[in-house]
Amino acid sequence: MMTEPFVRDEKEPIVWIAPWINGDKKIIAGFTTKEGGVSLPPYDSNNLGFHVEDNPTHVLNNRQLLANAISVPLDHWVLAEQVHGNKVHIAEQRDKGKGSHSMETAIPDADGLVSMENEMVCAALFADCVPLFFADRKKGIVAISHAGWKGTVNKIAQKTTQAMIQLSADPSDIEVVIGPSICPSCYEVNDHVIQHIEPAHQNCYDGWDGQYQLDLKQLNKQLLIEAGVLPAHIYTTSYCTSHDSLFYSHRRDKHPTGRMIGFIGLA
C-alpha cells in the first residue's frame, strides 16, 4: 500500500509533501489546513481566498502568516485567476507578487502555473477541487494546477505536463502529487458531468440513472499517465476535503466557506 505523501506539521497549519522534503533541489511544497488563522466564522479560521467574501484584511493576515511559516515573502508569490479552465501560465520573475495581495492582480484566465525561478512560490486555492503538484527535480521545474471537474476533463493535467516539457522537462523525470480533494463517495455528479468523460476513463465513476460518484483523483492520474508521467512517480493522497475536518469543503460546508492554498516553489 502506498504511503501517504502528505505529512502534517503540528506546529504550522500545513501538510507538507513528504517525497520532496529531501530532494536534490530544495522544493518548498505543501497544502494548508483551515486551522491557525485569524478569520472569523463562517471562515474560521485560516481562509486564504479573497473571493469568498471574508474580511480582506483577515485573508491578507492569513497569507502573511503562511509566508512567514515557509520563509517566502508574499511579494514572491504568484497566483492565477482560476476560471475552471485548462490554461497554464509559465511564471517568470516579472510575475512575482501577482495575485498575492489581491484577486485583481492574479494571472488572468489561468488555472495552472509552471516555474523554473528560484525564490518564487506558485500557489492556487482549493476547497474540494484537485490540487496537482508537479516537479522535475533534475531540471529544477515545478508547477501547480487547479483541477475541478471542468479542468480535469479539459486535461489541465496534461497541459501542465506539456508546459513543463516545453521548458526541457523529461516526462520520465516528472513527479506528481495529487493533493487533498473530494473523494468519490462525497462527490456525486449528474449526466451533464459524466458526458464529458471519455469512454477510456469510465472506470473513474460508478452509478446510474443520472447519479454518479466521480473519482477526480483517479481520473487525473490516468490522464497524467497518458501524458507520459510514470505511474511510479504519481503519489495520491488519502485525504478527502469533505471527510476530513482539517479542511474547508465547498460540498460539505456550502456557501460561504473558506479556501486552502496549495503552494510549490524552488528555494
C-alpha atoms as a PDB file:
ATOM      1  CA  MET A   1       0.000   0.000   0.000  1.00  0.00           C
ATOM      2  CA  MET A   2       1.321   3.423  -0.956  1.00  0.00           C
ATOM      3  CA  THR A   3       2.491   5.686   1.829  1.00  0.00           C
ATOM      4  CA  GLU A   4       0.519   8.907   2.349  1.00  0.00           C
ATOM      5  CA  PRO A   5       2.544  11.634   0.546  1.00  0.00           C
ATOM      6  CA  PHE A   6       1.476  14.433   2.914  1.00  0.00           C
ATOM      7  CA  VAL A   7       2.925  14.878   6.382  1.00  0.00           C
ATOM      8  CA  ARG A   8       1.078  17.055   8.878  1.00  0.00           C
ATOM      9  CA  ASP A   9       3.024  19.806  10.602  1.00  0.00           C
ATOM     10  CA  GLU A  10       1.812  20.014  14.199  1.00  0.00           C
ATOM     11  CA  LYS A  11       3.440  23.450  14.632  1.00  0.00           C
ATOM     12  CA  GLU A  12       2.004  25.081  11.495  1.00  0.00           C
ATOM     13  CA  PRO A  13      -1.372  24.743   9.691  1.00  0.00           C
ATOM     14  CA  ILE A  14       0.307  22.891   6.819  1.00  0.00           C
ATOM     15  CA  VAL A  15       0.558  19.384   5.401  1.00  0.00           C
ATOM     16  CA  TRP A  16       3.897  19.038   3.621  1.00  0.00           C
ATOM     17  CA  ILE A  17       4.712  16.907   0.589  1.00  0.00           C
ATOM     18  CA  ALA A  18       6.979  14.253   2.042  1.00  0.00           C
ATOM     19  CA  PRO A  19       8.604  12.882  -1.166  1.00  0.00           C
ATOM     20  CA  TRP A  20      10.179  16.274  -1.893  1.00  0.00           C
ATOM     21  CA  ILE A  21      11.345  17.323   1.551  1.00  0.00           C
ATOM     22  CA  ASN A  22      14.868  15.986   0.965  1.00  0.00           C
ATOM     23  CA  GLY A  23      15.155  16.382  -2.803  1.00  0.00           C
ATOM     24  CA  ASP A  24      18.330  17.245  -4.728  1.00  0.00           C
ATOM     25  CA  LYS A  25      16.952  20.721  -5.356  1.00  0.00           C
ATOM     26  CA  LYS A  26      15.113  22.062  -2.364  1.00  0.00           C
ATOM     27  CA  ILE A  27      11.414  22.213  -3.126  1.00  0.00           C
ATOM     28  CA  ILE A  28       9.007  24.059  -0.863  1.00  0.00           C
ATOM     29  CA  ALA A  29       5.627  22.389  -1.319  1.00  0.00           C
ATOM     30  CA  GLY A  30       2.558  21.849   0.787  1.00  0.00           C
ATOM     31  CA  PHE A  31      -1.110  22.458   1.420  1.00  0.00           C
ATOM     32  CA  THR A  32      -2.734  24.464   4.179  1.00  0.00           C
ATOM     33  CA  THR A  33      -5.393  23.372   6.637  1.00  0.00           C
ATOM     34  CA  LYS A  34      -8.242  25.559   7.847  1.00  0.00           C
ATOM     35  CA  GLU A  35      -6.660  25.964  11.287  1.00  0.00           C
ATOM     36  CA  GLY A  36      -4.389  28.604  12.765  1.00  0.00           C
ATOM     37  CA  GLY A  37      -5.637  31.780  11.109  1.00  0.00           C
ATOM     38  CA  VAL A  38      -7.477  34.935  12.117  1.00  0.00           C
ATOM     39  CA  SER A  39     -10.690  34.733  10.035  1.00  0.00           C
ATOM     40  CA  LEU A  40     -13.984  34.752  11.913  1.00  0.00           C
ATOM     41  CA  PRO A  41     -16.910  32.351  11.427  1.00  0.00           C
ATOM     42  CA  PRO A  42     -18.032  31.066   8.973  1.00  0.00           C
ATOM     43  CA  TYR A  43     -14.474  31.282   7.606  1.00  0.00           C
ATOM     44  CA  ASP A  44     -12.807  30.133  10.793  1.00  0.00           C
ATOM     45  CA  SER A  45     -10.008  30.407  10.755  1.00  0.00           C
ATOM     46  CA  ASN A  46      -7.329  30.121   8.083  1.00  0.00           C
ATOM     47  CA  ASN A  47      -9.180  31.226   4.950  1.00  0.00           C
ATOM     48  CA  LEU A  48      -6.725  32.205   2.216  1.00  0.00           C
ATOM     49  CA  GLY A  49      -9.164  33.190  -0.554  1.00  0.00           C
ATOM     50  CA  PHE A  50     -10.090  36.804  -1.232  1.00  0.00           C
ATOM     51  CA  HIS A  51     -13.061  35.826  -3.416  1.00  0.00           C
ATOM     52  CA  VAL A  52     -15.283  34.260  -0.717  1.00  0.00           C
ATOM     53  CA  GLU A  53     -16.467  37.493   0.949  1.00  0.00           C
ATOM     54  CA  ASP A  54     -14.256  37.148   4.001  1.00  0.00           C
ATOM     55  CA  ASN A  55     -12.734  40.289   5.501  1.00  0.00           C
ATOM     56  CA  PRO A  56      -9.819  41.001   3.089  1.00  0.00           C
ATOM     57  CA  THR A  57      -7.628  42.172   5.969  1.00  0.00           C
ATOM     58  CA  HIS A  58      -8.045  38.780   7.646  1.00  0.00           C
ATOM     59  CA  VAL A  59      -7.224  36.990   4.401  1.00  0.00           C
ATOM     60  CA  LEU A  60      -4.085  39.044   3.925  1.00  0.00           C
ATOM     61  CA  ASN A  61      -3.068  38.388   7.536  1.00  0.00           C
ATOM     62  CA  ASN A  62      -3.540  34.661   6.997  1.00  0.00           C
ATOM     63  CA  ARG A  63      -1.431  34.770   3.850  1.00  0.00           C
ATOM     64  CA  GLN A  64       1.258  36.673   5.673  1.00  0.00           C
ATOM     65  CA  LEU A  65       1.303  34.050   8.431  1.00  0.00           C
ATOM     66  CA  LEU A  66       1.820  31.367   5.789  1.00  0.00           C
ATOM     67  CA  ALA A  67       4.526  33.371   4.055  1.00  0.00           C
ATOM     68  CA  ASN A  68       6.329  33.687   7.378  1.00  0.00           C
ATOM     69  CA  ALA A  69       5.941  29.968   8.076  1.00  0.00           C
ATOM     70  CA  ILE A  70       7.594  28.951   4.803  1.00  0.00           C
ATOM     71  CA  SER A  71      10.055  31.867   4.715  1.00  0.00           C
ATOM     72  CA  VAL A  72       8.959  33.145   1.296  1.00  0.00           C
ATOM     73  CA  PRO A  73       7.629  36.727   1.284  1.00  0.00           C
ATOM     74  CA  LEU A  74       4.247  37.388  -0.309  1.00  0.00           C
ATOM     75  CA  ASP A  75       5.920  39.610  -2.881  1.00  0.00           C
ATOM     76  CA  HIS A  76       7.497  36.415  -4.257  1.00  0.00           C
ATOM     77  CA  TRP A  77       4.178  34.557  -4.632  1.00  0.00           C
ATOM     78  CA  VAL A  78       2.202  34.087  -7.867  1.00  0.00           C
ATOM     79  CA  LEU A  79      -1.466  33.106  -8.094  1.00  0.00           C
ATOM     80  CA  ALA A  80      -3.720  32.607 -11.106  1.00  0.00           C
ATOM     81  CA  GLU A  81      -7.302  33.790 -11.578  1.00  0.00           C
ATOM     82  CA  GLN A  82      -8.662  30.192 -11.602  1.00  0.00           C
ATOM     83  CA  VAL A  83     -11.587  30.094 -14.022  1.00  0.00           C
ATOM     84  CA  HIS A  84     -12.025  26.278 -14.114  1.00  0.00           C
ATOM     85  CA  GLY A  85     -10.208  26.150 -17.432  1.00  0.00           C
ATOM     86  CA  ASN A  86      -7.060  24.458 -18.703  1.00  0.00           C
ATOM     87  CA  LYS A  87      -4.744  27.368 -19.456  1.00  0.00           C
ATOM     88  CA  VAL A  88      -1.257  27.059 -17.973  1.00  0.00           C
ATOM     89  CA  HIS A  89       0.986  30.090 -17.458  1.00  0.00           C
ATOM     90  CA  ILE A  90       4.766  29.941 -17.289  1.00  0.00           C
ATOM     91  CA  ALA A  91       5.596  32.193 -14.339  1.00  0.00           C
ATOM     92  CA  GLU A  92       8.703  34.367 -14.603  1.00  0.00           C
ATOM     93  CA  GLN A  93      10.441  36.890 -12.361  1.00  0.00           C
ATOM     94  CA  ARG A  94       8.181  39.673 -13.619  1.00  0.00           C
ATOM     95  CA  ASP A  95       5.162  37.764 -12.263  1.00  0.00           C
ATOM     96  CA  LYS A  96       6.314  37.863  -8.650  1.00  0.00           C
ATOM     97  CA  GLY A  97       3.598  39.239  -6.403  1.00  0.00           C
ATOM     98  CA  LYS A  98       0.758  38.803  -8.892  1.00  0.00           C
ATOM     99  CA  GLY A  99      -2.381  37.676  -7.091  1.00  0.00           C
ATOM    100  CA  SER A 100      -0.654  37.595  -3.721  1.00  0.00           C
ATOM    101  CA  HIS A 101      -2.201  40.733  -2.208  1.00  0.00           C
ATOM    102  CA  SER A 102      -5.448  40.880  -4.203  1.00  0.00           C
ATOM    103  CA  MET A 103      -7.532  38.944  -6.729  1.00  0.00           C
ATOM    104  CA  GLU A 104      -7.337  41.732  -9.251  1.00  0.00           C
ATOM    105  CA  THR A 105      -3.637  41.262  -9.954  1.00  0.00           C
ATOM    106  CA  ALA A 106      -3.762  37.459 -10.432  1.00  0.00           C
ATOM    107  CA  ILE A 107      -2.607  35.890 -13.716  1.00  0.00           C
ATOM    108  CA  PRO A 108      -5.774  36.135 -15.860  1.00  0.00           C
ATOM    109  CA  ASP A 109      -7.658  33.137 -17.288  1.00  0.00           C
ATOM    110  CA  ALA A 110      -5.172  30.587 -15.932  1.00  0.00           C
ATOM    111  CA  ASP A 111      -5.593  27.547 -13.663  1.00  0.00           C
ATOM    112  CA  GLY A 112      -2.026  26.263 -13.849  1.00  0.00           C
ATOM    113  CA  LEU A 113       1.375  27.784 -13.114  1.00  0.00           C
ATOM    114  CA  VAL A 114       4.806  26.451 -14.094  1.00  0.00           C
ATOM    115  CA  SER A 115       8.121  27.905 -12.921  1.00  0.00           C
ATOM    116  CA  MET A 116      11.895  27.477 -13.087  1.00  0.00           C
ATOM    117  CA  GLU A 117      12.504  30.519 -10.893  1.00  0.00           C
ATOM    118  CA  ASN A 118      14.235  30.259  -7.543  1.00  0.00           C
ATOM    119  CA  GLU A 119      12.747  32.009  -4.508  1.00  0.00           C
ATOM    120  CA  MET A 120       9.276  32.184  -6.035  1.00  0.00           C
ATOM    121  CA  VAL A 121       6.164  30.272  -4.984  1.00  0.00           C
ATOM    122  CA  CYS A 122       3.351  29.259  -7.327  1.00  0.00           C
ATOM    123  CA  ALA A 123       0.092  28.880  -5.438  1.00  0.00           C
ATOM    124  CA  ALA A 124      -3.560  28.010  -6.021  1.00  0.00           C
ATOM    125  CA  LEU A 125      -6.755  27.956  -3.964  1.00  0.00           C
ATOM    126  CA  PHE A 126      -8.899  24.897  -3.222  1.00  0.00           C
ATOM    127  CA  ALA A 127     -11.954  23.646  -1.336  1.00  0.00           C
ATOM    128  CA  ASP A 128     -12.680  20.223  -2.940  1.00  0.00           C
ATOM    129  CA  CYS A 129     -11.091  20.580  -6.400  1.00  0.00           C
ATOM    130  CA  VAL A 130      -7.920  18.581  -7.041  1.00  0.00           C
ATOM    131  CA  PRO A 131      -4.521  20.203  -6.405  1.00  0.00           C
ATOM    132  CA  LEU A 132      -1.861  18.821  -8.742  1.00  0.00           C
ATOM    133  CA  PHE A 133       1.742  19.433  -7.697  1.00  0.00           C
ATOM    134  CA  PHE A 134       4.472  18.780 -10.285  1.00  0.00           C
ATOM    135  CA  ALA A 135       8.261  18.644 -10.039  1.00  0.00           C
ATOM    136  CA  ASP A 136      11.177  17.714 -12.276  1.00  0.00           C
ATOM    137  CA  ARG A 137      13.937  17.754  -9.702  1.00  0.00           C
ATOM    138  CA  LYS A 138      16.679  17.156 -12.273  1.00  0.00           C
ATOM    139  CA  LYS A 139      15.805  20.226 -14.339  1.00  0.00           C
ATOM    140  CA  GLY A 140      14.508  22.357 -11.485  1.00  0.00           C
ATOM    141  CA  ILE A 141      10.973  22.845 -12.819  1.00  0.00           C
ATOM    142  CA  VAL A 142       7.867  22.952 -10.630  1.00  0.00           C
ATOM    143  CA  ALA A 143       4.171  23.512 -11.265  1.00  0.00           C
ATOM    144  CA  ILE A 144       0.762  23.567  -9.647  1.00  0.00           C
ATOM    145  CA  SER A 145      -2.657  23.183 -11.243  1.00  0.00           C
ATOM    146  CA  HIS A 146      -6.245  23.554 -10.086  1.00  0.00           C
ATOM    147  CA  ALA A 147      -8.334  20.668 -11.413  1.00  0.00           C
ATOM    148  CA  GLY A 148     -12.044  20.802 -10.769  1.00  0.00           C
ATOM    149  CA  TRP A 149     -14.174  18.571 -12.967  1.00  0.00           C
ATOM    150  CA  LYS A 150     -14.084  21.052 -15.849  1.00  0.00           C
ATOM    151  CA  GLY A 151     -10.324  21.489 -15.705  1.00  0.00           C
ATOM    152  CA  THR A 152      -9.885  17.747 -15.326  1.00  0.00           C
ATOM    153  CA  VAL A 153     -11.940  16.720 -18.374  1.00  0.00           C
ATOM    154  CA  ASN A 154     -10.255  19.504 -20.353  1.00  0.00           C
ATOM    155  CA  LYS A 155      -6.940  17.846 -19.430  1.00  0.00           C
ATOM    156  CA  ILE A 156      -5.192  20.505 -17.391  1.00  0.00           C
ATOM    157  CA  ALA A 157      -3.023  17.690 -16.003  1.00  0.00           C
ATOM    158  CA  GLN A 158      -1.737  17.001 -19.497  1.00  0.00           C
ATOM    159  CA  LYS A 159      -1.475  20.691 -20.396  1.00  0.00           C
ATOM    160  CA  THR A 160       0.698  21.270 -17.336  1.00  0.00           C
ATOM    161  CA  THR A 161       2.897  18.289 -18.191  1.00  0.00           C
ATOM    162  CA  GLN A 162       3.299  19.620 -21.733  1.00  0.00           C
ATOM    163  CA  ALA A 163       4.242  23.075 -20.440  1.00  0.00           C
ATOM    164  CA  MET A 164       6.972  21.514 -18.302  1.00  0.00           C
ATOM    165  CA  ILE A 165       8.237  19.542 -21.294  1.00  0.00           C
ATOM    166  CA  GLN A 166       8.449  22.805 -23.265  1.00  0.00           C
ATOM    167  CA  LEU A 167      10.790  24.050 -20.533  1.00  0.00           C
ATOM    168  CA  SER A 168      13.028  20.959 -21.064  1.00  0.00           C
ATOM    169  CA  ALA A 169      11.475  18.554 -18.534  1.00  0.00           C
ATOM    170  CA  ASP A 170      11.659  14.854 -19.353  1.00  0.00           C
ATOM    171  CA  PRO A 171       8.268  13.168 -18.766  1.00  0.00           C
ATOM    172  CA  SER A 172      10.036  10.229 -17.132  1.00  0.00           C
ATOM    173  CA  ASP A 173      11.542  12.613 -14.560  1.00  0.00           C
ATOM    174  CA  ILE A 174       8.312  14.425 -13.722  1.00  0.00           C
ATOM    175  CA  GLU A 175       6.817  13.554 -10.340  1.00  0.00           C
ATOM    176  CA  VAL A 176       3.243  14.488  -9.484  1.00  0.00           C
ATOM    177  CA  VAL A 177       1.481  14.636  -6.141  1.00  0.00           C
ATOM    178  CA  ILE A 178      -2.318  14.593  -6.205  1.00  0.00           C
ATOM    179  CA  GLY A 179      -3.400  16.544  -3.155  1.00  0.00           C
ATOM    180  CA  PRO A 180      -6.303  16.784  -0.688  1.00  0.00           C
ATOM    181  CA  SER A 181      -9.605  16.931  -2.550  1.00  0.00           C
ATOM    182  CA  ILE A 182     -13.064  15.428  -2.513  1.00  0.00           C
ATOM    183  CA  CYS A 183     -13.318  11.628  -2.670  1.00  0.00           C
ATOM    184  CA  PRO A 184     -15.792   9.775  -4.910  1.00  0.00           C
ATOM    185  CA  SER A 185     -18.101   8.782  -2.052  1.00  0.00           C
ATOM    186  CA  CYS A 186     -18.581  12.503  -1.304  1.00  0.00           C
ATOM    187  CA  TYR A 187     -18.686  13.689  -4.924  1.00  0.00           C
ATOM    188  CA  GLU A 188     -21.989  12.943  -6.602  1.00  0.00           C
ATOM    189  CA  VAL A 189     -22.442  14.311 -10.127  1.00  0.00           C
ATOM    190  CA  ASN A 190     -25.067  14.044 -12.867  1.00  0.00           C
ATOM    191  CA  ASP A 191     -25.161  13.170 -16.558  1.00  0.00           C
ATOM    192  CA  HIS A 192     -24.055  16.680 -17.506  1.00  0.00           C
ATOM    193  CA  VAL A 193     -20.651  15.991 -15.934  1.00  0.00           C
ATOM    194  CA  ILE A 194     -20.337  12.340 -16.928  1.00  0.00           C
ATOM    195  CA  GLN A 195     -20.976  13.034 -20.623  1.00  0.00           C
ATOM    196  CA  HIS A 196     -17.670  14.928 -20.731  1.00  0.00           C
ATOM    197  CA  ILE A 197     -15.644  11.906 -19.598  1.00  0.00           C
ATOM    198  CA  GLU A 198     -14.076   9.825 -22.365  1.00  0.00           C
ATOM    199  CA  PRO A 199     -15.067   6.140 -22.640  1.00  0.00           C
ATOM    200  CA  ALA A 200     -11.497   5.104 -21.793  1.00  0.00           C
ATOM    201  CA  HIS A 201     -11.999   6.592 -18.324  1.00  0.00           C
ATOM    202  CA  GLN A 202     -15.338   5.045 -17.418  1.00  0.00           C
ATOM    203  CA  ASN A 203     -13.650   3.210 -14.549  1.00  0.00           C
ATOM    204  CA  CYS A 204     -13.334   6.568 -12.750  1.00  0.00           C
ATOM    205  CA  TYR A 205     -17.012   6.743 -11.878  1.00  0.00           C
ATOM    206  CA  ASP A 206     -19.778   4.499 -10.644  1.00  0.00           C
ATOM    207  CA  GLY A 207     -23.537   4.927 -10.654  1.00  0.00           C
ATOM    208  CA  TRP A 208     -26.672   5.022 -12.801  1.00  0.00           C
ATOM    209  CA  ASP A 209     -29.900   6.939 -13.501  1.00  0.00           C
ATOM    210  CA  GLY A 210     -28.181  10.315 -13.560  1.00  0.00           C
ATOM    211  CA  GLN A 211     -26.409   9.931 -10.203  1.00  0.00           C
ATOM    212  CA  TYR A 212     -22.729   9.057 -10.260  1.00  0.00           C
ATOM    213  CA  GLN A 213     -19.798   9.097  -7.857  1.00  0.00           C
ATOM    214  CA  LEU A 214     -16.773  10.515  -9.643  1.00  0.00           C
ATOM    215  CA  ASP A 215     -13.159   9.879  -8.658  1.00  0.00           C
ATOM    216  CA  LEU A 216     -11.368  13.012  -9.813  1.00  0.00           C
ATOM    217  CA  LYS A 217      -8.066  11.903  -8.288  1.00  0.00           C
ATOM    218  CA  GLN A 218      -8.063   8.677 -10.300  1.00  0.00           C
ATOM    219  CA  LEU A 219      -9.165  10.452 -13.478  1.00  0.00           C
ATOM    220  CA  ASN A 220      -6.287  12.914 -13.173  1.00  0.00           C
ATOM    221  CA  LYS A 221      -3.877  10.052 -12.513  1.00  0.00           C
ATOM    222  CA  GLN A 222      -4.946   8.291 -15.695  1.00  0.00           C
ATOM    223  CA  LEU A 223      -4.588  11.489 -17.700  1.00  0.00           C
ATOM    224  CA  LEU A 224      -1.090  12.040 -16.288  1.00  0.00           C
ATOM    225  CA  ILE A 225      -0.054   8.520 -17.297  1.00  0.00           C
ATOM    226  CA  GLU A 226      -1.377   9.168 -20.811  1.00  0.00           C
ATOM    227  CA  ALA A 227       0.788  12.318 -20.860  1.00  0.00           C
ATOM    228  CA  GLY A 228       3.906  10.238 -20.180  1.00  0.00           C
ATOM    229  CA  VAL A 229       4.272  10.537 -16.406  1.00  0.00           C
ATOM    230  CA  LEU A 230       5.389   7.217 -14.931  1.00  0.00           C
ATOM    231  CA  PRO A 231       2.802   5.574 -12.648  1.00  0.00           C
ATOM    232  CA  ALA A 232       5.517   5.094 -10.005  1.00  0.00           C
ATOM    233  CA  HIS A 233       6.055   8.866  -9.992  1.00  0.00           C
ATOM    234  CA  ILE A 234       2.446   9.718  -9.144  1.00  0.00           C
ATOM    235  CA  TYR A 235       1.595   9.961  -5.452  1.00  0.00           C
ATOM    236  CA  THR A 236      -2.048  10.264  -4.401  1.00  0.00           C
ATOM    237  CA  THR A 237      -3.181  11.476  -1.004  1.00  0.00           C
ATOM    238  CA  SER A 238      -5.822   9.665   1.020  1.00  0.00           C
ATOM    239  CA  TYR A 239      -7.098  12.979   2.419  1.00  0.00           C
ATOM    240  CA  CYS A 240     -10.666  13.863   1.454  1.00  0.00           C
ATOM    241  CA  THR A 241     -11.530  17.525   1.977  1.00  0.00           C
ATOM    242  CA  SER A 242     -15.168  16.650   2.668  1.00  0.00           C
ATOM    243  CA  HIS A 243     -14.487  13.836   5.133  1.00  0.00           C
ATOM    244  CA  ASP A 244     -11.619  15.476   6.996  1.00  0.00           C
ATOM    245  CA  SER A 245     -12.426  18.388   9.289  1.00  0.00           C
ATOM    246  CA  LEU A 246      -8.884  19.726   8.775  1.00  0.00           C
ATOM    247  CA  PHE A 247     -10.042  21.264   5.503  1.00  0.00           C
ATOM    248  CA  TYR A 248     -12.691  23.515   4.001  1.00  0.00           C
ATOM    249  CA  SER A 249     -15.144  21.763   1.684  1.00  0.00           C
ATOM    250  CA  HIS A 250     -17.457  23.558  -0.704  1.00  0.00           C
ATOM    251  CA  ARG A 251     -19.698  20.480  -0.946  1.00  0.00           C
ATOM    252  CA  ARG A 252     -19.848  19.860   2.795  1.00  0.00           C
ATOM    253  CA  ASP A 253     -19.934  23.410   4.124  1.00  0.00           C
ATOM    254  CA  LYS A 254     -21.912  25.017   1.289  1.00  0.00           C
ATOM    255  CA  HIS A 255     -21.591  28.787   0.862  1.00  0.00           C
ATOM    256  CA  PRO A 256     -19.910  30.546   2.493  1.00  0.00           C
ATOM    257  CA  THR A 257     -16.726  28.697   3.337  1.00  0.00           C
ATOM    258  CA  GLY A 258     -13.002  29.346   3.104  1.00  0.00           C
ATOM    259  CA  ARG A 259     -10.221  28.176   0.836  1.00  0.00           C
ATOM    260  CA  MET A 260      -6.926  26.379   1.359  1.00  0.00           C
ATOM    261  CA  ILE A 261      -3.775  27.158  -0.606  1.00  0.00           C
ATOM    262  CA  GLY A 262      -1.525  24.671  -2.314  1.00  0.00           C
ATOM    263  CA  PHE A 263       1.962  26.027  -2.884  1.00  0.00           C
ATOM    264  CA  ILE A 264       5.184  24.953  -4.574  1.00  0.00           C
ATOM    265  CA  GLY A 265       8.468  26.671  -5.299  1.00  0.00           C
ATOM    266  CA  LEU A 266      12.215  26.282  -5.597  1.00  0.00           C
ATOM    267  CA  ALA A 267      14.274  27.657  -2.724  1.00  0.00           C
END
